[in-house]
N, C-alpha and C. Protein backbone atom coordinates (compact mmCIF):
# COMPACT_ATOMS: atom_id res chain seq x y z
N MET A 1 20.89 -3.25 -5.93
CA MET A 1 20.63 -1.94 -5.54
C MET A 1 19.54 -1.40 -6.21
N PRO A 2 18.74 -0.35 -5.50
CA PRO A 2 17.92 0.38 -6.47
C PRO A 2 18.47 1.36 -7.53
N ARG A 3 17.85 1.39 -8.53
CA ARG A 3 18.29 2.43 -9.53
C ARG A 3 17.46 3.57 -9.55
N GLU A 4 16.24 3.81 -9.49
CA GLU A 4 15.60 4.76 -9.37
C GLU A 4 14.48 4.82 -8.27
N SER A 5 14.03 6.09 -7.77
CA SER A 5 12.85 5.98 -6.93
C SER A 5 11.85 6.86 -7.49
N PHE A 6 10.64 6.59 -7.23
CA PHE A 6 9.43 7.31 -7.72
C PHE A 6 8.43 7.67 -6.51
N THR A 7 7.73 8.72 -6.76
CA THR A 7 6.77 9.24 -5.88
C THR A 7 5.72 9.90 -6.74
N THR A 8 4.72 10.61 -6.16
CA THR A 8 3.85 11.27 -6.92
C THR A 8 3.98 12.85 -6.43
N ASP A 9 3.53 13.65 -7.27
CA ASP A 9 3.72 15.10 -7.04
C ASP A 9 2.73 15.59 -5.90
N ARG A 10 1.80 14.52 -5.51
CA ARG A 10 1.05 14.81 -4.40
C ARG A 10 1.64 14.30 -3.20
N ILE A 11 2.88 14.23 -3.24
CA ILE A 11 3.62 13.74 -1.92
C ILE A 11 3.38 14.87 -0.69
N ALA A 12 3.16 14.39 0.42
CA ALA A 12 3.10 15.17 1.62
C ALA A 12 4.52 15.27 2.24
N PRO A 13 4.69 15.95 3.40
CA PRO A 13 5.91 16.02 4.01
C PRO A 13 6.28 14.57 4.44
N ALA A 14 7.67 14.43 5.03
CA ALA A 14 8.07 13.23 5.41
C ALA A 14 7.17 12.26 6.12
N ALA A 15 6.44 12.73 7.11
CA ALA A 15 5.39 11.96 7.59
C ALA A 15 4.21 11.66 6.91
N GLY A 16 4.10 12.25 5.55
CA GLY A 16 2.81 12.19 4.94
C GLY A 16 2.54 10.75 4.18
N PRO A 17 1.57 10.69 3.42
CA PRO A 17 0.93 9.35 3.14
C PRO A 17 1.71 8.38 1.96
N PHE A 18 2.66 9.25 1.22
CA PHE A 18 3.19 8.47 0.19
C PHE A 18 4.67 7.90 0.57
N SER A 19 4.62 6.71 0.42
CA SER A 19 6.12 6.19 0.47
C SER A 19 6.73 6.15 -1.04
N PRO A 20 7.92 6.34 -1.14
CA PRO A 20 8.41 6.36 -2.61
C PRO A 20 8.47 4.86 -3.02
N ALA A 21 8.48 4.69 -4.48
CA ALA A 21 8.62 3.38 -4.85
C ALA A 21 10.15 3.32 -5.51
N VAL A 22 10.67 2.26 -5.42
CA VAL A 22 12.05 2.03 -5.85
C VAL A 22 12.11 0.90 -6.74
N ARG A 23 12.87 1.46 -7.95
CA ARG A 23 12.80 0.31 -9.14
C ARG A 23 14.22 -0.44 -8.78
N GLY A 24 14.10 -1.66 -8.75
CA GLY A 24 15.31 -2.51 -8.26
C GLY A 24 15.83 -3.39 -9.50
N ALA A 25 16.65 -4.27 -9.49
CA ALA A 25 17.04 -5.17 -10.25
C ALA A 25 15.99 -5.84 -10.97
N GLY A 26 16.20 -5.96 -12.38
CA GLY A 26 15.21 -6.87 -13.03
C GLY A 26 13.92 -5.86 -13.45
N ASP A 27 14.04 -4.75 -13.15
CA ASP A 27 13.10 -3.52 -13.44
C ASP A 27 11.78 -3.82 -12.70
N ALA A 28 11.91 -4.56 -11.23
CA ALA A 28 10.92 -4.62 -10.43
C ALA A 28 10.61 -3.47 -9.65
N ILE A 29 9.43 -3.04 -9.26
CA ILE A 29 9.12 -1.98 -8.63
C ILE A 29 8.62 -2.50 -7.12
N TYR A 30 9.33 -1.83 -6.01
CA TYR A 30 9.26 -2.03 -4.61
C TYR A 30 8.39 -0.93 -3.93
N LEU A 31 7.43 -1.21 -3.40
CA LEU A 31 6.70 -0.15 -2.49
C LEU A 31 6.46 -0.51 -1.18
N SER A 32 6.80 0.09 -0.03
CA SER A 32 6.78 -0.49 1.19
C SER A 32 6.09 0.67 2.07
N GLY A 33 5.48 0.07 3.09
CA GLY A 33 5.06 0.74 4.25
C GLY A 33 3.89 1.78 4.00
N GLN A 34 2.90 1.45 3.27
CA GLN A 34 1.65 2.28 2.94
C GLN A 34 0.44 2.01 3.99
N VAL A 35 0.23 3.19 4.65
CA VAL A 35 -0.98 3.14 5.49
C VAL A 35 -2.07 4.08 4.98
N GLY A 36 -3.24 3.91 5.58
CA GLY A 36 -4.40 4.76 4.93
C GLY A 36 -4.37 6.26 5.44
N GLN A 37 -3.27 6.97 4.97
CA GLN A 37 -3.37 8.30 5.02
C GLN A 37 -3.89 9.07 4.03
N ASP A 38 -4.62 10.19 4.38
CA ASP A 38 -5.21 11.06 3.36
C ASP A 38 -4.29 11.94 2.95
N PRO A 39 -3.86 12.08 1.50
CA PRO A 39 -2.89 12.89 0.80
C PRO A 39 -3.19 14.31 1.18
N ALA A 40 -4.32 14.78 1.39
CA ALA A 40 -4.56 16.24 1.55
C ALA A 40 -4.05 16.76 2.80
N ASN A 41 -4.08 15.91 3.87
CA ASN A 41 -3.53 16.48 5.03
C ASN A 41 -2.51 15.47 5.92
N GLY A 42 -2.36 14.34 5.36
CA GLY A 42 -1.39 13.50 6.01
C GLY A 42 -1.83 12.63 7.23
N ARG A 43 -3.06 12.95 7.55
CA ARG A 43 -3.80 12.30 8.69
C ARG A 43 -4.43 10.99 8.21
N LEU A 44 -4.21 9.93 9.26
CA LEU A 44 -4.85 8.61 9.11
C LEU A 44 -6.32 8.74 8.85
N VAL A 45 -6.85 7.99 7.85
CA VAL A 45 -8.18 7.97 7.50
C VAL A 45 -8.94 7.17 8.57
N GLU A 46 -10.09 7.95 8.79
CA GLU A 46 -11.01 7.35 10.06
C GLU A 46 -11.77 6.47 9.43
N GLY A 47 -12.50 5.59 10.15
CA GLY A 47 -13.55 4.56 9.71
C GLY A 47 -13.04 3.19 9.55
N GLY A 48 -11.94 2.74 10.33
CA GLY A 48 -11.59 1.38 10.46
C GLY A 48 -10.76 0.76 9.33
N VAL A 49 -10.74 -0.38 9.40
CA VAL A 49 -9.71 -1.19 8.46
C VAL A 49 -10.24 -1.03 7.07
N ALA A 50 -11.45 -1.14 6.68
CA ALA A 50 -12.08 -1.06 5.29
C ALA A 50 -11.64 0.34 4.72
N ALA A 51 -11.99 1.38 5.35
CA ALA A 51 -11.59 2.73 5.00
C ALA A 51 -10.00 2.81 4.77
N GLN A 52 -9.22 2.36 5.80
CA GLN A 52 -7.79 2.54 5.62
C GLN A 52 -7.18 1.65 4.44
N THR A 53 -7.64 0.66 4.36
CA THR A 53 -7.35 -0.19 3.21
C THR A 53 -7.59 0.33 1.85
N GLU A 54 -8.81 0.98 1.53
CA GLU A 54 -9.21 1.70 0.33
C GLU A 54 -7.99 2.88 0.38
N GLN A 55 -7.91 3.60 1.05
CA GLN A 55 -6.84 4.69 1.07
C GLN A 55 -5.64 4.35 0.81
N ALA A 56 -5.13 3.19 1.46
CA ALA A 56 -3.78 2.58 1.03
C ALA A 56 -3.47 2.25 -0.23
N LEU A 57 -4.61 1.58 -0.78
CA LEU A 57 -4.58 1.06 -2.02
C LEU A 57 -4.49 2.14 -3.19
N ARG A 58 -5.43 3.46 -2.83
CA ARG A 58 -5.25 4.43 -3.66
C ARG A 58 -3.96 5.19 -3.64
N ASN A 59 -3.29 5.24 -2.42
CA ASN A 59 -1.99 5.90 -2.39
C ASN A 59 -1.03 4.91 -3.23
N LEU A 60 -1.27 3.58 -3.03
CA LEU A 60 -0.24 2.80 -3.71
C LEU A 60 -0.41 2.88 -5.21
N GLN A 61 -1.58 3.03 -5.69
CA GLN A 61 -1.95 3.05 -7.09
C GLN A 61 -1.31 4.33 -7.57
N ALA A 62 -1.38 5.31 -6.87
CA ALA A 62 -0.80 6.71 -7.40
C ALA A 62 0.70 6.69 -7.50
N VAL A 63 1.25 6.07 -6.57
CA VAL A 63 2.73 5.92 -6.77
C VAL A 63 3.11 4.81 -7.80
N LEU A 64 2.48 3.84 -8.04
CA LEU A 64 2.79 2.95 -9.00
C LEU A 64 2.49 3.67 -10.48
N GLU A 65 1.52 4.47 -10.39
CA GLU A 65 1.23 5.17 -11.78
C GLU A 65 2.51 6.21 -12.10
N ALA A 66 3.01 6.87 -10.95
CA ALA A 66 4.21 7.80 -11.17
C ALA A 66 5.45 6.91 -11.68
N ALA A 67 5.50 5.63 -11.38
CA ALA A 67 6.61 4.78 -11.78
C ALA A 67 6.16 3.96 -13.11
N GLY A 68 5.04 4.44 -13.76
CA GLY A 68 4.68 3.85 -15.07
C GLY A 68 4.12 2.35 -14.83
N ARG A 69 3.52 2.01 -13.83
CA ARG A 69 2.85 0.77 -13.52
C ARG A 69 1.38 0.90 -13.04
N THR A 70 0.66 -0.20 -13.07
CA THR A 70 -0.57 -0.28 -12.48
C THR A 70 -0.73 -1.40 -11.40
N LEU A 71 -2.03 -1.40 -10.88
CA LEU A 71 -2.01 -2.46 -9.92
C LEU A 71 -2.08 -3.97 -10.76
N ASP A 72 -2.44 -3.92 -12.05
CA ASP A 72 -2.30 -5.15 -12.77
C ASP A 72 -0.96 -5.69 -12.91
N ASP A 73 0.00 -4.88 -12.59
CA ASP A 73 1.59 -5.35 -12.64
C ASP A 73 1.86 -5.96 -11.35
N VAL A 74 1.14 -5.93 -10.32
CA VAL A 74 1.64 -6.31 -8.89
C VAL A 74 1.77 -7.76 -8.82
N VAL A 75 2.82 -8.43 -8.47
CA VAL A 75 3.06 -9.55 -8.30
C VAL A 75 3.07 -10.18 -6.92
N ARG A 76 3.22 -9.18 -6.03
CA ARG A 76 3.42 -9.76 -4.56
C ARG A 76 2.85 -8.67 -3.74
N VAL A 77 2.14 -9.08 -2.67
CA VAL A 77 1.50 -7.94 -1.65
C VAL A 77 1.74 -8.50 -0.19
N GLY A 78 2.30 -7.62 0.69
CA GLY A 78 2.39 -7.87 2.00
C GLY A 78 1.33 -6.96 2.72
N VAL A 79 0.34 -7.62 3.55
CA VAL A 79 -0.59 -6.91 4.32
C VAL A 79 -0.29 -7.15 5.83
N TYR A 80 -0.20 -6.04 6.49
CA TYR A 80 -0.11 -5.95 8.05
C TYR A 80 -1.19 -5.59 8.77
N LEU A 81 -1.83 -6.30 9.74
CA LEU A 81 -3.05 -5.98 10.49
C LEU A 81 -2.57 -5.84 11.83
N ALA A 82 -3.15 -4.76 12.35
CA ALA A 82 -2.99 -4.61 13.81
C ALA A 82 -4.05 -5.50 14.54
N ASP A 83 -5.05 -6.06 13.96
CA ASP A 83 -5.90 -7.09 14.59
C ASP A 83 -6.32 -7.96 13.59
N MET A 84 -5.88 -9.28 13.55
CA MET A 84 -6.31 -10.14 12.65
C MET A 84 -7.81 -10.43 12.63
N GLY A 85 -8.57 -9.81 13.57
CA GLY A 85 -9.98 -9.94 13.42
C GLY A 85 -10.44 -9.16 12.36
N ASP A 86 -9.65 -8.23 11.73
CA ASP A 86 -10.01 -7.27 10.74
C ASP A 86 -9.85 -7.90 9.32
N PHE A 87 -9.23 -9.10 9.39
CA PHE A 87 -9.03 -9.95 7.95
C PHE A 87 -10.14 -9.78 7.01
N ALA A 88 -11.31 -10.33 7.40
CA ALA A 88 -12.31 -10.41 6.46
C ALA A 88 -12.64 -9.04 5.93
N ALA A 89 -12.71 -8.00 6.63
CA ALA A 89 -13.06 -6.52 6.01
C ALA A 89 -11.88 -6.18 5.15
N MET A 90 -10.73 -6.49 5.51
CA MET A 90 -9.72 -6.14 4.61
C MET A 90 -9.61 -6.85 3.28
N ASN A 91 -9.79 -8.19 3.35
CA ASN A 91 -9.90 -9.01 2.46
C ASN A 91 -11.09 -8.71 1.32
N GLU A 92 -11.98 -8.15 1.73
CA GLU A 92 -13.29 -7.75 1.04
C GLU A 92 -12.85 -6.72 -0.01
N VAL A 93 -12.13 -5.62 0.44
CA VAL A 93 -11.62 -4.43 -0.10
C VAL A 93 -10.36 -5.05 -1.00
N TYR A 94 -9.54 -5.71 -0.67
CA TYR A 94 -8.51 -6.20 -1.43
C TYR A 94 -9.09 -6.89 -2.61
N ALA A 95 -10.21 -7.56 -2.68
CA ALA A 95 -10.68 -8.46 -3.58
C ALA A 95 -11.36 -7.66 -4.62
N ARG A 96 -11.77 -6.27 -4.19
CA ARG A 96 -12.32 -5.38 -5.19
C ARG A 96 -11.20 -4.41 -6.10
N TRP A 97 -9.95 -4.61 -5.32
CA TRP A 97 -8.90 -3.80 -5.95
C TRP A 97 -8.08 -4.68 -6.92
N PHE A 98 -7.96 -5.94 -6.67
CA PHE A 98 -7.03 -6.93 -7.44
C PHE A 98 -8.04 -7.91 -8.39
N GLU A 99 -7.64 -8.20 -9.48
CA GLU A 99 -8.32 -9.12 -10.09
C GLU A 99 -7.77 -10.81 -10.03
N ARG A 100 -8.56 -11.56 -10.21
CA ARG A 100 -8.04 -12.94 -10.30
C ARG A 100 -7.25 -13.29 -11.42
N PRO A 101 -6.17 -13.98 -11.58
CA PRO A 101 -5.50 -14.56 -10.35
C PRO A 101 -5.04 -13.20 -9.37
N TYR A 102 -5.35 -13.50 -7.97
CA TYR A 102 -4.80 -12.45 -7.33
C TYR A 102 -3.08 -12.50 -7.12
N PRO A 103 -2.49 -11.47 -6.97
CA PRO A 103 -1.11 -11.60 -6.75
C PRO A 103 -0.89 -12.40 -5.34
N ALA A 104 0.40 -12.84 -5.27
CA ALA A 104 0.72 -13.62 -4.17
C ALA A 104 0.52 -12.74 -3.06
N ARG A 105 0.02 -13.20 -1.81
CA ARG A 105 -0.25 -12.21 -0.65
C ARG A 105 0.23 -12.86 0.60
N THR A 106 0.84 -12.18 1.45
CA THR A 106 1.13 -12.71 2.85
C THR A 106 0.30 -11.73 3.64
N THR A 107 -0.38 -12.38 4.78
CA THR A 107 -1.13 -11.26 5.85
C THR A 107 -0.62 -11.55 7.22
N ILE A 108 0.10 -10.58 7.90
CA ILE A 108 0.80 -10.85 9.06
C ILE A 108 0.04 -10.00 10.08
N GLY A 109 -0.35 -10.60 11.44
CA GLY A 109 -0.64 -9.84 12.49
C GLY A 109 0.49 -9.23 13.25
N VAL A 110 0.40 -7.93 13.41
CA VAL A 110 1.46 -7.12 14.13
C VAL A 110 0.83 -6.59 15.43
N ALA A 111 1.74 -6.08 16.34
CA ALA A 111 1.28 -5.51 17.56
C ALA A 111 1.05 -4.07 17.35
N ALA A 112 1.46 -3.28 16.53
CA ALA A 112 1.21 -1.85 16.31
C ALA A 112 1.78 -1.51 14.89
N LEU A 113 0.96 -0.63 14.34
CA LEU A 113 1.39 -0.01 12.99
C LEU A 113 1.48 1.63 13.26
N PRO A 114 2.37 2.19 12.31
CA PRO A 114 2.48 3.67 12.33
C PRO A 114 1.24 4.34 12.50
N LEU A 115 1.22 5.36 13.25
CA LEU A 115 0.05 6.33 13.45
C LEU A 115 -1.25 5.47 14.04
N GLY A 116 -1.04 4.41 14.60
CA GLY A 116 -2.04 3.64 15.22
C GLY A 116 -2.98 2.93 14.09
N ALA A 117 -2.27 2.82 12.78
CA ALA A 117 -3.21 2.36 11.61
C ALA A 117 -3.60 1.07 11.88
N ALA A 118 -4.66 0.70 11.23
CA ALA A 118 -5.24 -0.79 11.29
C ALA A 118 -4.59 -1.79 10.33
N VAL A 119 -4.07 -1.13 9.20
CA VAL A 119 -3.50 -2.05 8.13
C VAL A 119 -2.43 -1.25 7.58
N GLU A 120 -1.38 -1.86 6.95
CA GLU A 120 -0.29 -1.28 6.34
C GLU A 120 0.08 -2.31 5.07
N ILE A 121 0.42 -1.93 4.04
CA ILE A 121 0.61 -2.57 2.65
C ILE A 121 1.86 -2.31 1.94
N ASP A 122 2.63 -3.42 1.62
CA ASP A 122 3.56 -3.42 0.89
C ASP A 122 3.45 -4.08 -0.50
N LEU A 123 4.06 -3.79 -1.58
CA LEU A 123 3.85 -4.73 -2.81
C LEU A 123 5.11 -4.52 -3.82
N VAL A 124 5.20 -5.66 -4.57
CA VAL A 124 6.07 -5.65 -5.69
C VAL A 124 5.39 -5.85 -7.02
N ALA A 125 5.77 -4.94 -8.02
CA ALA A 125 5.12 -4.80 -9.14
C ALA A 125 6.27 -5.19 -10.31
N GLN A 126 6.01 -6.00 -11.29
CA GLN A 126 7.05 -6.48 -12.32
C GLN A 126 6.69 -5.61 -13.51
């Protein structure tokens, strides 16, 4: 069971861009369901999958920092794409944010994402 949850002081209302991170057993941090929402207004970032992936990763980074972690601590990433044709564009952004060896990653095509997003990202940090 989770022991603590973390977010950032930039959190928007419930429909806003930041999902809380949860510290679980073994001190792992779990963060789920991040889409490319702008923290200033809670609206989905325009500009397609690359822009949304950039924003989702910025949001994830902010919450990880609030939990005392960085993207270097990430060991598992789940990526959900509304269109698998967007894989290359998402992957290009992903490769700029994570260093080799990359964390384990699963990419899944889904019928729809919250707010009509192109991409959603989950992660686990140790």
